[in-house]
Protein backbone atom coordinates (compact mmCIF):
# COMPACT_ATOMS: atom_id res chain seq x y z
CA MET A 1 5.66 -13.83 -28.83
CA ILE A 2 4.45 -11.52 -26.02
CA LYS A 3 6.78 -11.20 -23.22
CA THR A 4 5.62 -10.80 -19.70
CA CYS A 5 7.37 -9.66 -16.62
CA LEU A 6 8.96 -12.50 -14.51
CA GLY A 7 8.25 -10.44 -11.44
CA CYS A 8 4.73 -9.19 -11.66
CA GLY A 9 3.20 -10.77 -14.83
CA VAL A 10 2.51 -7.61 -16.63
CA LYS A 11 2.92 -7.60 -20.48
CA LEU A 12 6.41 -5.93 -21.29
CA GLN A 13 6.47 -3.05 -23.81
CA SER A 14 9.07 -0.59 -24.77
CA THR A 15 6.91 2.15 -26.46
CA ASP A 16 5.49 4.15 -23.52
CA ALA A 17 7.45 4.81 -20.41
CA ASP A 18 4.37 6.13 -18.61
CA LYS A 19 2.49 2.88 -18.97
CA LEU A 20 2.60 -0.48 -17.18
CA GLY A 21 5.16 -3.04 -18.33
CA TYR A 22 7.67 -0.50 -19.76
CA VAL A 23 11.22 -1.65 -20.10
CA PRO A 24 13.88 -0.14 -22.47
CA GLU A 25 14.30 -2.26 -25.53
CA LYS A 26 17.94 -2.98 -24.91
CA VAL A 27 17.18 -4.75 -21.69
CA ILE A 28 13.87 -6.30 -22.50
CA ASP A 29 15.50 -9.77 -22.42
CA LYS A 30 16.28 -9.33 -18.73
CA GLY A 31 12.60 -10.17 -18.15
CA TYR A 32 11.66 -7.47 -15.60
CA CYS A 33 9.59 -4.34 -16.10
CA ARG A 34 11.00 -0.96 -14.92
CA ARG A 35 8.42 -0.91 -12.05
CA CYS A 36 9.68 -4.28 -10.69
CA PHE A 37 13.26 -3.29 -11.28
CA LYS A 38 12.83 -0.28 -9.07
CA LEU A 39 10.97 -2.19 -6.37
CA ILE A 40 13.47 -5.03 -6.32
CA HIS A 41 16.64 -2.87 -6.36
CA TYR A 42 15.71 0.41 -4.80
CA GLN A 43 12.34 -0.31 -2.99
CA ASP A 44 11.04 2.64 -5.01
CA PHE A 45 7.23 2.71 -4.63
CA THR A 46 6.96 5.92 -6.85
CA ASN A 47 3.75 5.30 -9.04
CA ALA A 48 4.06 1.64 -8.25
CA TYR A 49 0.62 1.28 -6.66
CA GLN A 50 -2.02 -0.30 -8.97
CA THR A 51 -5.69 -1.05 -8.46
CA ILE A 52 -6.82 -4.68 -9.02
CA ASN A 53 -10.45 -5.62 -9.66
CA PRO A 54 -11.23 -8.87 -7.80
CA HIS A 55 -13.95 -9.79 -10.28
CA ASN A 56 -11.36 -9.77 -13.01
CA ILE A 57 -9.32 -12.35 -11.18
CA LEU A 58 -12.41 -14.61 -10.66
CA LYS A 59 -13.43 -14.22 -14.33
CA LYS A 60 -9.89 -15.32 -15.39
CA LEU A 61 -10.12 -18.35 -13.11
CA ALA A 62 -13.71 -19.34 -14.08
CA ASN A 63 -12.71 -21.92 -16.65
CA LYS A 64 -9.33 -23.03 -15.26
CA GLN A 65 -8.77 -26.67 -14.62
CA GLY A 66 -6.25 -27.91 -12.10
CA SER A 67 -5.75 -27.20 -8.43
CA PHE A 68 -5.72 -24.08 -6.21
CA ILE A 69 -3.83 -22.99 -3.16
CA PHE A 70 -5.45 -20.12 -1.48
CA ILE A 71 -3.21 -18.04 0.83
CA LEU A 72 -4.34 -15.93 3.91
CA ASP A 73 -2.47 -14.84 7.00
CA PHE A 74 -3.48 -14.52 10.69
CA VAL A 75 -4.79 -11.05 10.48
CA ASN A 76 -6.44 -11.52 7.16
CA ILE A 77 -9.05 -14.18 8.13
CA ASN A 78 -12.39 -12.74 7.54
CA HIS A 79 -15.68 -13.37 5.65
CA GLU A 80 -14.76 -11.15 2.66
CA ALA A 81 -11.48 -13.10 2.21
CA ILE A 82 -13.13 -16.52 2.72
CA ASN A 83 -15.87 -15.64 0.24
CA TYR A 84 -13.31 -15.38 -2.51
CA TYR A 85 -11.97 -18.78 -1.32
CA HIS A 86 -15.46 -20.38 -1.45
CA GLN A 87 -15.98 -19.06 -5.11
CA ILE A 88 -13.17 -21.39 -6.31
CA LYS A 89 -14.92 -24.64 -7.09
CA MET A 90 -11.98 -26.78 -8.16
CA PRO A 91 -9.85 -28.88 -5.83
CA LYS A 92 -8.14 -26.53 -3.34
CA ILE A 93 -6.51 -26.12 0.07
CA LEU A 94 -6.16 -23.26 2.37
CA VAL A 95 -2.78 -22.10 3.69
CA ILE A 96 -2.40 -19.75 6.61
CA ASN A 97 0.90 -18.10 5.81
CA LYS A 98 3.24 -16.02 8.09
CA ALA A 99 2.62 -18.60 10.82
CA ASP A 100 5.50 -17.00 12.75
CA ILE A 101 3.35 -13.97 13.58
CA ILE A 102 0.68 -15.99 15.40
CA PRO A 103 1.13 -15.51 19.21
CA LYS A 104 2.64 -18.61 20.77
CA ASN A 105 -0.30 -19.24 23.14
CA ILE A 106 -2.66 -19.68 20.23
CA ASN A 107 -3.01 -23.27 19.08
CA TYR A 108 -3.10 -24.13 15.37
CA GLU A 109 -5.92 -26.71 16.07
CA GLN A 110 -8.01 -23.93 17.69
CA LEU A 111 -7.62 -21.87 14.49
CA LYS A 112 -8.41 -24.84 12.27
CA ASN A 113 -11.69 -25.74 14.26
CA TRP A 114 -12.63 -21.90 14.11
CA LEU A 115 -12.05 -21.96 10.35
CA LYS A 116 -14.08 -25.06 9.89
CA ASN A 117 -16.95 -23.98 12.08
CA GLU A 118 -17.26 -20.24 11.60
CA PHE A 119 -16.22 -20.15 7.98
CA LYS A 120 -17.25 -23.47 6.76
CA VAL A 121 -13.91 -24.51 5.43
CA ASN A 122 -13.98 -28.24 4.65
CA GLU A 123 -10.74 -28.72 2.89
CA ASP A 124 -7.19 -29.12 4.16
CA ILE A 125 -5.78 -26.24 6.19
CA LEU A 126 -2.00 -25.78 6.46
CA PHE A 127 0.11 -23.34 8.40
CA ALA A 128 3.33 -22.15 6.72
CA SER A 129 6.04 -19.52 7.07
CA SER A 130 8.84 -18.92 4.52
CA LYS A 131 10.71 -16.83 7.13
CA LYS A 132 10.74 -19.66 9.78
CA ASN A 133 10.52 -22.71 7.48
CA ILE A 134 7.19 -23.74 9.05
CA GLY A 135 5.11 -26.26 7.08
CA LEU A 136 7.17 -25.94 3.82
CA ASN A 137 8.04 -29.67 3.40
CA LYS A 138 4.40 -30.62 4.01
CA LEU A 139 3.23 -28.12 1.49
CA ASN A 140 5.73 -29.17 -1.15
CA HIS A 141 4.54 -32.85 -0.78
CA LEU A 142 1.01 -31.77 -1.32
CA ILE A 143 1.99 -29.71 -4.26
CA GLU A 144 3.71 -32.73 -5.87
CA GLU A 145 0.55 -34.66 -5.65
CA MET A 146 -1.78 -32.03 -6.98
CA LYS A 147 -3.33 -31.95 -10.48
CA GLU A 148 -1.66 -29.45 -12.72
CA PRO A 149 -1.76 -26.50 -13.40
CA ILE A 150 -1.61 -25.26 -9.85
CA TYR A 151 -2.60 -21.70 -9.03
CA PHE A 152 -1.56 -19.82 -5.99
CA LEU A 153 -4.31 -17.38 -4.95
CA GLY A 154 -4.87 -15.10 -2.02
CA MET A 155 -5.55 -11.70 -0.42
CA THR A 156 -2.94 -9.03 -1.26
CA ASN A 157 -0.02 -8.63 1.06
CA VAL A 158 -0.27 -12.09 2.68
CA GLY A 159 3.14 -13.06 1.49
CA LYS A 160 2.06 -15.27 -1.46
CA SER A 161 4.93 -14.41 -3.82
CA SER A 162 7.51 -14.64 -0.88
CA LEU A 163 6.27 -18.01 -0.08
CA LEU A 164 6.64 -19.15 -3.75
CA ASN A 165 10.17 -17.71 -3.84
CA GLU A 166 11.13 -19.72 -0.92
CA LEU A 167 9.38 -22.96 -1.77
CA PHE A 168 10.91 -23.24 -5.26
CA ALA A 169 14.17 -21.36 -4.87
CA LEU A 170 13.35 -19.45 -8.12
CA LYS A 171 16.17 -18.49 -10.36
CA ASN A 172 14.10 -15.45 -11.48
CA PRO A 173 12.29 -14.46 -8.22
CA LEU A 174 8.91 -13.03 -8.12
CA THR A 175 8.82 -9.40 -7.14
CA THR A 176 7.89 -8.72 -3.48
CA SER A 177 7.26 -5.62 -1.53
CA MET A 178 5.14 -4.18 1.27
CA LEU A 179 3.01 -2.49 -1.47
CA PRO A 180 -0.56 -3.98 -2.03
CA ASN A 181 -0.83 -5.64 -5.44
CA THR A 182 2.78 -5.91 -6.35
CA THR A 183 1.79 -8.88 -8.60
CA LEU A 184 -0.36 -7.51 -11.47
CA ASP A 185 -1.27 -10.71 -13.61
CA PHE A 186 -0.64 -14.50 -13.74
CA VAL A 187 2.93 -15.41 -13.62
CA LYS A 188 4.08 -18.77 -14.79
CA LEU A 189 6.94 -20.09 -12.65
CA ASN A 190 9.98 -21.92 -14.04
CA THR A 191 9.50 -25.08 -12.12
CA ASN A 192 9.20 -28.84 -12.99
CA GLN A 193 5.45 -28.50 -12.56
CA ILE A 194 2.98 -26.03 -14.08
CA ILE A 195 2.59 -23.39 -11.30
CA TYR A 196 1.27 -19.81 -11.44
CA ASP A 197 1.40 -16.98 -9.11
CA THR A 198 -1.50 -14.57 -9.46
CA GLU A 199 -2.54 -11.00 -8.44
CA GLY A 200 -3.76 -10.69 -4.86
CA PHE A 201 -7.56 -10.10 -4.10
CA PRO A 202 -7.82 -6.46 -2.73
CA TYR A 203 -10.21 -5.42 -0.09
CA HIS A 204 -13.07 -3.35 -1.34
CA LYS A 205 -11.91 -0.52 0.89
CA THR A 206 -8.32 0.09 1.91
CA LEU A 207 -6.52 2.32 4.39
CA PRO A 208 -4.22 5.14 3.22
CA ARG A 209 -0.98 4.09 1.75
CA THR A 210 0.89 6.24 4.30
CA LEU A 211 -0.04 3.45 6.77
CA ILE A 212 1.26 0.47 4.96
CA LYS A 213 4.64 0.35 6.50
CA LYS A 214 3.15 0.58 9.96
CA ILE A 215 0.46 -2.14 9.66
CA MET A 216 2.79 -4.62 8.18
CA ILE A 217 3.62 -7.47 10.76
CA ASN A 218 6.86 -9.09 10.33
CA GLU A 219 7.30 -10.81 13.73
CA GLU A 220 5.19 -12.61 16.35
CA ILE A 221 2.27 -10.38 17.63
CA HIS A 222 2.34 -9.61 21.26
CA PRO A 223 -1.28 -8.77 22.08
CA LYS A 224 -1.82 -5.48 24.04
CA ASN A 225 -4.47 -5.47 26.77
CA MET A 226 -6.54 -2.25 27.14
CA PRO A 227 -8.94 -2.09 29.89
CA LEU A 228 -11.45 0.59 29.23
CA LYS A 229 -14.04 2.41 31.41
CA LYS A 230 -17.55 3.18 30.08
CA ASP A 231 -17.34 5.87 27.30
CA ALA A 232 -13.57 5.72 27.08
CA SER A 233 -11.95 5.21 23.70
CA ILE A 234 -8.91 3.61 22.23
CA LEU A 235 -7.21 5.53 19.39
CA ILE A 236 -5.46 3.25 16.87
CA GLU A 237 -2.93 5.45 15.07
CA ASP A 238 -4.63 7.29 12.34
CA ILE A 239 -6.83 4.18 11.74
CA GLY A 240 -9.74 4.86 14.02
CA ARG A 241 -11.30 5.52 17.30
CA ILE A 242 -13.29 2.86 19.16
CA THR A 243 -15.52 3.66 22.22
CA THR A 244 -17.26 1.10 24.42
CA ASN A 245 -20.45 1.79 26.33
CA ILE A 246 -19.44 -0.36 29.37
CA ASN A 247 -16.42 -1.13 31.38
CA ASN A 248 -14.58 -3.61 29.12
CA SER A 249 -11.41 -5.43 28.26
CA LEU A 250 -10.05 -5.02 24.72
CA THR A 251 -7.09 -7.12 23.60
CA CYS A 252 -5.39 -5.65 20.47
CA PHE A 253 -3.64 -7.82 17.82
CA PHE A 254 -1.75 -5.34 15.61
CA SER A 255 1.70 -4.52 14.43
CA LYS A 256 3.96 -3.30 17.20
CA ASN A 257 4.56 -0.19 15.14
CA ILE A 258 0.96 0.98 15.39
CA ASN A 259 0.46 3.40 18.23
CA ILE A 260 -2.60 2.41 20.42
CA LYS A 261 -3.59 4.62 23.35
CA LYS A 262 -6.59 5.39 25.57
CA ILE A 263 -8.45 8.68 25.18
CA TYR A 264 -11.54 10.20 26.83
CA ALA A 265 -14.59 12.12 25.85
CA SER A 266 -12.80 15.44 26.54
CA ASN A 267 -10.63 14.59 23.41
CA ASN A 268 -12.80 15.32 20.54
CA LEU A 269 -10.65 13.79 17.80
CA TYR A 270 -12.80 12.38 15.08
CA LEU A 271 -16.00 12.96 17.13
CA ASP A 272 -17.25 15.26 14.31
CA GLU A 273 -17.40 12.26 11.95
CA GLU A 274 -20.39 10.07 11.30
CA PRO A 275 -19.87 7.13 13.72
CA ILE A 276 -20.56 3.40 13.13
CA ILE A 277 -22.44 1.80 16.00
CA ILE A 278 -22.12 -1.93 16.35
CA LYS A 279 -23.60 -4.37 19.02
CA VAL A 280 -20.97 -6.96 19.89
CA PRO A 281 -21.67 -10.31 21.50
CA ALA A 282 -19.40 -11.65 24.29
CA LYS A 283 -16.05 -13.16 23.34
CA SER A 284 -15.98 -11.58 19.83
CA ASN A 285 -13.13 -10.38 17.58
CA LEU A 286 -13.63 -6.89 15.99
CA ILE A 287 -11.66 -7.35 12.71
CA ILE A 288 -10.14 -4.36 10.82
CA LYS A 289 -9.48 -5.94 7.41
CA GLY A 290 -5.84 -6.08 6.46
CA VAL A 291 -4.72 -4.60 9.69
CA GLY A 292 -5.56 -6.83 12.70
CA PHE A 293 -8.34 -7.41 15.18
CA ILE A 294 -9.47 -6.63 18.72
CA TYR A 295 -10.85 -9.27 21.15
CA LEU A 296 -13.72 -8.15 23.37
CA LYS A 297 -14.63 -10.20 26.41
CA GLU A 298 -17.84 -8.64 27.38
CA PRO A 299 -20.98 -7.95 25.26
CA CYS A 300 -21.32 -4.26 24.46
CA SER A 301 -22.11 -1.61 21.95
CA LEU A 302 -19.16 0.06 20.27
CA THR A 303 -19.04 3.38 18.57
CA ILE A 304 -16.45 3.51 15.81
CA TYR A 305 -15.08 6.64 14.23
CA HIS A 306 -12.81 7.26 11.10
CA LEU A 307 -13.44 3.69 9.65
CA THR A 308 -15.90 2.52 7.10
CA LYS A 309 -18.24 -0.51 7.48
CA ASP A 310 -16.42 -2.21 4.62
CA LEU A 311 -13.29 -2.59 6.73
CA ILE A 312 -15.05 -3.92 9.78
CA GLU A 313 -16.39 -7.39 10.74
CA ILE A 314 -17.48 -8.97 14.00
CA VAL A 315 -16.88 -12.75 14.37
CA PRO A 316 -16.92 -15.18 17.29
CA ALA A 317 -13.51 -15.32 18.81
CA PHE A 318 -11.41 -18.47 18.15
CA TRP A 319 -10.66 -18.95 21.87
CA GLY A 320 -12.65 -18.33 24.96
CA VAL A 321 -10.46 -16.36 27.35
């Protein structure tokens, strides 16, 4: 019988220490690969990052029967993510996880209506947080009524495995970390129902791993208002530079650990790079996938440096301030 890691789902092996799934033969019955052991006990990310092909996930799911729970979080709602959701044709619900990071002045019903209208989500939408115990009882009741097997899907780093650990108080917890794609394959949980964790869908383009710790949001977002004059810019850490062609108000929804500041044309940082120029309607969100978004009140043209088009989306804002 092939054994798989209880933490990430990879096949266990004791023959090659340089390959995924390695665990010394004498401790193979413990159930965790060396990579997971180091992540769990030492937060050792050395050689832990792995690339996941989203098409392989969809291929494995293509003939699966049962029910699906798709997990996003507040800063990972975008058309690329929702496209994966729409490709799941079996019964499903959408869960917005890490609800505790949503600013208190933003109403859940506003977000639900936005998801239904802008992203054509017709199924149930729940809000949950394993950290603050938001929505867990309701989610548990829904899970009890779902047809098995039940698959938990979602974008990478939206807290899917942490949510499962909290929901089911797993004796052998799933491996969690700030690293994208900690889960590497399907993991069958030891529960009364047939439930699987799965690897997270990655974005086609990602930011440097040096920024992972800074972009992670672990508490309520406090939006930062940045009034800009024509041709002034905001610099978002090492992520990008954004310039507006009119006097405008930009409200930034990012981790408090990301440094955001105003800069002017006299500062030539990134100006030698090929820019992206985007026309933005009034009351829009400029999404930087996996990081956060910027609300723009006035229609304008933005010039964006040091970011690729794959990481950017413009969508109508979910509230009209």
